[in-house]
Amino acid sequence: MIKVRGLAYPLQVFNGSLKLSEDFDTIRDAIFGVLECRPGERIMRQNFGCPDFVFDAVAQPQVVLSRIQVALEEQIPDVSFEVTGSIQEDGGFSVRVEWSVGDVPQPPISLVLKS
């Protein structure tokens, strides 16, 4: 496999240099980058990121999940995503991102959207 390198997310200093991530960790870091960035935050890439759902009432969970999946698929090519989620009893919205590169599944990413 070809080694893919990128800056670690979140940005960190390690032994006096910027910390790097490799291979699947680079893709995982890119997923977090898309999920935590809002469209319009990056001046040179106005469409980069995922809409902010934190203060929205989640009446239609499938709409939120599909918007997250579309944002990931548009920004990170050659990776397969399956985004699922549910509304919790406390009002939070749990989201699970399952992803794979080729036929190699990776550990899922879970997060909770709360207002």
N, C-alpha and C. Protein backbone atom coordinates (compact mmCIF):
# COMPACT_ATOMS: atom_id res chain seq x y z
N MET A 1 0.84 -1.18 0.00
CA MET A 1 0.00 0.00 0.00
C MET A 1 0.88 1.24 0.00
N ILE A 2 0.45 2.23 -0.74
CA ILE A 2 1.18 3.49 -0.79
C ILE A 2 0.90 4.26 0.50
N LYS A 3 1.95 4.80 1.07
CA LYS A 3 1.77 5.58 2.29
C LYS A 3 1.20 6.95 1.95
N VAL A 4 0.10 7.28 2.61
CA VAL A 4 -0.52 8.58 2.48
C VAL A 4 -0.26 9.32 3.78
N ARG A 5 0.24 10.52 3.68
CA ARG A 5 0.53 11.30 4.88
C ARG A 5 -0.19 12.63 4.83
N GLY A 6 -0.50 13.12 6.00
CA GLY A 6 -1.14 14.43 6.12
C GLY A 6 -0.95 14.94 7.54
N LEU A 7 -1.33 16.16 7.76
CA LEU A 7 -1.25 16.71 9.10
C LEU A 7 -2.30 16.05 9.99
N ALA A 8 -1.91 15.74 11.21
CA ALA A 8 -2.83 15.12 12.16
C ALA A 8 -3.93 16.11 12.52
N TYR A 9 -5.09 15.57 12.80
CA TYR A 9 -6.21 16.41 13.22
C TYR A 9 -6.63 15.99 14.61
N PRO A 10 -6.71 16.85 15.56
CA PRO A 10 -6.44 18.28 15.50
C PRO A 10 -4.95 18.54 15.39
N LEU A 11 -4.61 19.72 14.91
CA LEU A 11 -3.23 20.11 14.69
C LEU A 11 -2.46 20.05 16.00
N GLN A 12 -1.30 19.36 15.98
CA GLN A 12 -0.50 19.17 17.19
C GLN A 12 0.97 19.34 16.85
N VAL A 13 1.75 19.71 17.86
CA VAL A 13 3.20 19.77 17.71
C VAL A 13 3.77 18.56 18.44
N PHE A 14 4.68 17.84 17.76
CA PHE A 14 5.29 16.65 18.34
C PHE A 14 6.79 16.71 18.06
N ASN A 15 7.60 16.74 19.10
CA ASN A 15 9.06 16.83 18.99
C ASN A 15 9.49 18.03 18.14
N GLY A 16 8.82 19.14 18.30
CA GLY A 16 9.20 20.36 17.60
C GLY A 16 8.70 20.47 16.17
N SER A 17 7.95 19.47 15.70
CA SER A 17 7.40 19.52 14.34
C SER A 17 5.90 19.28 14.40
N LEU A 18 5.22 19.60 13.32
CA LEU A 18 3.80 19.29 13.26
C LEU A 18 3.61 17.78 13.16
N LYS A 19 2.71 17.25 13.95
CA LYS A 19 2.46 15.81 13.96
C LYS A 19 1.77 15.40 12.67
N LEU A 20 2.21 14.28 12.11
CA LEU A 20 1.64 13.74 10.88
C LEU A 20 0.82 12.50 11.19
N SER A 21 -0.14 12.22 10.33
CA SER A 21 -0.86 10.95 10.39
C SER A 21 -0.61 10.23 9.07
N GLU A 22 -0.78 8.91 9.08
CA GLU A 22 -0.51 8.11 7.89
C GLU A 22 -1.68 7.19 7.57
N ASP A 23 -1.81 6.89 6.30
CA ASP A 23 -2.75 5.92 5.76
C ASP A 23 -4.18 6.14 6.26
N PHE A 24 -4.77 5.15 6.93
CA PHE A 24 -6.16 5.23 7.34
C PHE A 24 -6.40 6.32 8.37
N ASP A 25 -5.39 6.62 9.18
CA ASP A 25 -5.53 7.71 10.15
C ASP A 25 -5.69 9.05 9.44
N THR A 26 -5.05 9.22 8.29
CA THR A 26 -5.20 10.45 7.51
C THR A 26 -6.64 10.60 7.04
N ILE A 27 -7.25 9.51 6.61
CA ILE A 27 -8.64 9.57 6.15
C ILE A 27 -9.57 9.82 7.34
N ARG A 28 -9.32 9.18 8.47
CA ARG A 28 -10.13 9.41 9.67
C ARG A 28 -10.05 10.88 10.08
N ASP A 29 -8.85 11.44 10.03
CA ASP A 29 -8.68 12.86 10.35
C ASP A 29 -9.44 13.75 9.37
N ALA A 30 -9.47 13.36 8.09
CA ALA A 30 -10.21 14.12 7.09
C ALA A 30 -11.72 14.06 7.36
N ILE A 31 -12.20 12.92 7.84
CA ILE A 31 -13.62 12.79 8.19
C ILE A 31 -13.97 13.77 9.31
N PHE A 32 -13.14 13.81 10.35
CA PHE A 32 -13.38 14.77 11.43
C PHE A 32 -13.30 16.20 10.92
N GLY A 33 -12.39 16.46 10.00
CA GLY A 33 -12.28 17.80 9.41
C GLY A 33 -13.56 18.22 8.72
N VAL A 34 -14.18 17.31 7.98
CA VAL A 34 -15.44 17.61 7.29
C VAL A 34 -16.56 17.79 8.30
N LEU A 35 -16.64 16.91 9.30
CA LEU A 35 -17.72 16.97 10.27
C LEU A 35 -17.67 18.21 11.15
N GLU A 36 -16.47 18.72 11.43
CA GLU A 36 -16.33 19.84 12.36
C GLU A 36 -16.18 21.19 11.68
N CYS A 37 -16.17 21.21 10.36
CA CYS A 37 -16.06 22.47 9.62
C CYS A 37 -17.42 22.79 9.00
N ARG A 38 -17.81 24.05 9.01
CA ARG A 38 -19.08 24.48 8.44
C ARG A 38 -18.84 25.12 7.08
N PRO A 39 -19.77 24.93 6.14
CA PRO A 39 -19.62 25.58 4.83
C PRO A 39 -19.43 27.09 5.01
N GLY A 40 -18.46 27.64 4.30
CA GLY A 40 -18.16 29.05 4.38
C GLY A 40 -17.02 29.39 5.33
N GLU A 41 -16.61 28.46 6.18
CA GLU A 41 -15.52 28.73 7.12
C GLU A 41 -14.15 28.77 6.43
N ARG A 42 -14.00 28.00 5.39
CA ARG A 42 -12.73 28.00 4.66
C ARG A 42 -12.87 28.92 3.45
N ILE A 43 -12.08 29.96 3.44
CA ILE A 43 -12.21 31.00 2.42
C ILE A 43 -12.04 30.45 1.01
N MET A 44 -11.05 29.60 0.81
CA MET A 44 -10.77 29.10 -0.54
C MET A 44 -11.63 27.88 -0.93
N ARG A 45 -12.34 27.31 0.03
CA ARG A 45 -13.22 26.17 -0.25
C ARG A 45 -14.55 26.41 0.44
N GLN A 46 -15.37 27.27 -0.14
CA GLN A 46 -16.61 27.71 0.48
C GLN A 46 -17.61 26.57 0.73
N ASN A 47 -17.56 25.51 -0.07
CA ASN A 47 -18.52 24.41 0.08
C ASN A 47 -18.02 23.29 0.98
N PHE A 48 -16.81 23.43 1.50
CA PHE A 48 -16.22 22.39 2.33
C PHE A 48 -16.91 22.35 3.69
N GLY A 49 -17.18 21.17 4.19
CA GLY A 49 -17.72 21.01 5.53
C GLY A 49 -19.13 20.45 5.53
N CYS A 50 -19.66 20.37 6.73
CA CYS A 50 -20.98 19.80 6.96
C CYS A 50 -21.85 20.84 7.66
N PRO A 51 -23.11 20.99 7.27
CA PRO A 51 -23.97 21.97 7.95
C PRO A 51 -24.03 21.72 9.45
N ASP A 52 -24.25 22.77 10.21
CA ASP A 52 -24.31 22.69 11.67
C ASP A 52 -25.74 22.34 12.08
N PHE A 53 -25.89 21.22 12.78
CA PHE A 53 -27.21 20.76 13.21
C PHE A 53 -27.41 20.89 14.71
N VAL A 54 -26.43 21.46 15.41
CA VAL A 54 -26.46 21.46 16.86
C VAL A 54 -27.70 22.15 17.42
N PHE A 55 -28.09 23.28 16.87
CA PHE A 55 -29.22 24.02 17.42
C PHE A 55 -30.52 23.79 16.65
N ASP A 56 -30.51 22.85 15.72
CA ASP A 56 -31.72 22.52 14.99
C ASP A 56 -32.51 21.46 15.73
N ALA A 57 -33.82 21.59 15.71
CA ALA A 57 -34.67 20.52 16.24
C ALA A 57 -34.66 19.41 15.19
N VAL A 58 -34.31 18.22 15.59
CA VAL A 58 -34.20 17.12 14.64
C VAL A 58 -35.56 16.44 14.52
N ALA A 59 -36.38 16.96 13.61
CA ALA A 59 -37.70 16.39 13.39
C ALA A 59 -37.63 15.26 12.37
N GLN A 60 -36.71 15.38 11.42
CA GLN A 60 -36.56 14.37 10.39
C GLN A 60 -35.11 13.87 10.41
N PRO A 61 -34.83 12.86 11.21
CA PRO A 61 -33.45 12.38 11.34
C PRO A 61 -32.83 11.94 10.02
N GLN A 62 -33.62 11.39 9.12
CA GLN A 62 -33.06 10.88 7.87
C GLN A 62 -32.50 12.01 7.01
N VAL A 63 -33.10 13.21 7.10
CA VAL A 63 -32.59 14.36 6.35
C VAL A 63 -31.21 14.75 6.86
N VAL A 64 -31.04 14.79 8.18
CA VAL A 64 -29.75 15.12 8.77
C VAL A 64 -28.70 14.09 8.38
N LEU A 65 -29.05 12.82 8.48
CA LEU A 65 -28.10 11.75 8.14
C LEU A 65 -27.70 11.80 6.67
N SER A 66 -28.65 12.06 5.79
CA SER A 66 -28.32 12.10 4.36
C SER A 66 -27.44 13.31 4.05
N ARG A 67 -27.66 14.45 4.71
CA ARG A 67 -26.82 15.63 4.48
C ARG A 67 -25.39 15.39 4.96
N ILE A 68 -25.24 14.68 6.08
CA ILE A 68 -23.90 14.33 6.56
C ILE A 68 -23.21 13.40 5.57
N GLN A 69 -23.93 12.39 5.10
CA GLN A 69 -23.34 11.43 4.16
C GLN A 69 -22.94 12.11 2.85
N VAL A 70 -23.79 12.98 2.33
CA VAL A 70 -23.47 13.69 1.09
C VAL A 70 -22.22 14.55 1.28
N ALA A 71 -22.12 15.26 2.41
CA ALA A 71 -20.94 16.10 2.67
C ALA A 71 -19.68 15.26 2.69
N LEU A 72 -19.73 14.10 3.34
CA LEU A 72 -18.55 13.22 3.41
C LEU A 72 -18.18 12.69 2.03
N GLU A 73 -19.17 12.24 1.28
CA GLU A 73 -18.90 11.67 -0.04
C GLU A 73 -18.35 12.71 -1.01
N GLU A 74 -18.82 13.95 -0.90
CA GLU A 74 -18.33 15.00 -1.80
C GLU A 74 -16.90 15.40 -1.48
N GLN A 75 -16.53 15.41 -0.22
CA GLN A 75 -15.22 15.92 0.19
C GLN A 75 -14.14 14.85 0.26
N ILE A 76 -14.53 13.59 0.45
CA ILE A 76 -13.54 12.53 0.60
C ILE A 76 -13.83 11.44 -0.43
N PRO A 77 -13.19 11.52 -1.60
CA PRO A 77 -13.46 10.54 -2.65
C PRO A 77 -12.83 9.18 -2.34
N ASP A 78 -13.29 8.16 -3.03
CA ASP A 78 -12.76 6.80 -2.94
C ASP A 78 -12.93 6.16 -1.57
N VAL A 79 -13.85 6.66 -0.76
CA VAL A 79 -14.17 6.07 0.53
C VAL A 79 -15.67 5.83 0.57
N SER A 80 -16.08 4.65 1.06
CA SER A 80 -17.50 4.33 1.17
C SER A 80 -17.99 4.68 2.57
N PHE A 81 -19.15 5.33 2.64
CA PHE A 81 -19.71 5.76 3.92
C PHE A 81 -21.10 5.18 4.11
N GLU A 82 -21.41 4.86 5.36
CA GLU A 82 -22.76 4.47 5.77
C GLU A 82 -23.04 5.25 7.05
N VAL A 83 -23.96 6.20 6.98
CA VAL A 83 -24.26 7.07 8.12
C VAL A 83 -25.61 6.68 8.69
N THR A 84 -25.63 6.32 9.97
CA THR A 84 -26.86 5.96 10.66
C THR A 84 -26.96 6.78 11.93
N GLY A 85 -28.14 6.81 12.50
CA GLY A 85 -28.31 7.56 13.74
C GLY A 85 -29.69 7.41 14.31
N SER A 86 -29.85 7.93 15.53
CA SER A 86 -31.14 7.87 16.20
C SER A 86 -31.24 8.99 17.23
N ILE A 87 -32.47 9.32 17.60
CA ILE A 87 -32.70 10.33 18.62
C ILE A 87 -32.67 9.63 19.97
N GLN A 88 -31.91 10.20 20.91
CA GLN A 88 -31.79 9.63 22.25
C GLN A 88 -32.90 10.15 23.15
N GLU A 89 -33.08 9.51 24.30
CA GLU A 89 -34.12 9.92 25.24
C GLU A 89 -33.90 11.32 25.79
N ASP A 90 -32.63 11.74 25.92
CA ASP A 90 -32.35 13.07 26.47
C ASP A 90 -32.43 14.17 25.41
N GLY A 91 -32.82 13.82 24.19
CA GLY A 91 -32.96 14.81 23.13
C GLY A 91 -31.75 14.92 22.22
N GLY A 92 -30.67 14.28 22.59
CA GLY A 92 -29.48 14.27 21.73
C GLY A 92 -29.72 13.41 20.50
N PHE A 93 -28.91 13.60 19.52
CA PHE A 93 -29.02 12.84 18.27
C PHE A 93 -27.69 12.13 18.04
N SER A 94 -27.69 10.82 18.17
CA SER A 94 -26.45 10.07 17.99
C SER A 94 -26.27 9.72 16.52
N VAL A 95 -25.04 9.89 16.05
CA VAL A 95 -24.69 9.63 14.66
C VAL A 95 -23.52 8.65 14.64
N ARG A 96 -23.61 7.67 13.76
CA ARG A 96 -22.55 6.67 13.60
C ARG A 96 -22.13 6.67 12.14
N VAL A 97 -20.85 6.89 11.91
CA VAL A 97 -20.31 6.90 10.55
C VAL A 97 -19.46 5.65 10.38
N GLU A 98 -19.93 4.74 9.56
CA GLU A 98 -19.14 3.56 9.21
C GLU A 98 -18.51 3.83 7.87
N TRP A 99 -17.22 3.52 7.76
CA TRP A 99 -16.52 3.84 6.52
C TRP A 99 -15.53 2.74 6.17
N SER A 100 -15.25 2.63 4.89
CA SER A 100 -14.29 1.64 4.42
C SER A 100 -13.57 2.18 3.20
N VAL A 101 -12.33 1.75 3.06
CA VAL A 101 -11.52 2.11 1.90
C VAL A 101 -11.34 0.84 1.11
N GLY A 102 -11.89 0.82 -0.09
CA GLY A 102 -11.89 -0.41 -0.87
C GLY A 102 -12.74 -1.44 -0.14
N ASP A 103 -12.16 -2.59 0.12
CA ASP A 103 -12.86 -3.64 0.87
C ASP A 103 -12.38 -3.72 2.31
N VAL A 104 -11.70 -2.69 2.78
CA VAL A 104 -11.13 -2.72 4.13
C VAL A 104 -11.97 -1.84 5.06
N PRO A 105 -12.86 -2.47 5.87
CA PRO A 105 -13.66 -1.67 6.79
C PRO A 105 -12.79 -1.10 7.91
N GLN A 106 -13.18 0.09 8.38
CA GLN A 106 -12.44 0.78 9.43
C GLN A 106 -13.32 0.95 10.66
N PRO A 107 -12.72 1.21 11.81
CA PRO A 107 -13.54 1.42 13.01
C PRO A 107 -14.50 2.59 12.82
N PRO A 108 -15.77 2.40 13.22
CA PRO A 108 -16.74 3.47 13.03
C PRO A 108 -16.47 4.67 13.92
N ILE A 109 -17.01 5.80 13.53
CA ILE A 109 -16.90 7.04 14.27
C ILE A 109 -18.28 7.36 14.82
N SER A 110 -18.37 7.59 16.11
CA SER A 110 -19.65 7.92 16.75
C SER A 110 -19.58 9.30 17.35
N LEU A 111 -20.67 10.06 17.22
CA LEU A 111 -20.75 11.37 17.83
C LEU A 111 -22.18 11.67 18.20
N VAL A 112 -22.38 12.64 19.10
CA VAL A 112 -23.71 13.00 19.54
C VAL A 112 -23.91 14.49 19.31
N LEU A 113 -24.99 14.85 18.64
CA LEU A 113 -25.34 16.25 18.42
C LEU A 113 -26.33 16.65 19.52
N LYS A 114 -25.96 17.64 20.32
CA LYS A 114 -26.85 18.12 21.38
C LYS A 114 -26.93 19.63 21.31
N SER A 115 -28.07 20.16 21.71
CA SER A 115 -28.20 21.61 21.76
C SER A 115 -27.99 22.11 23.18
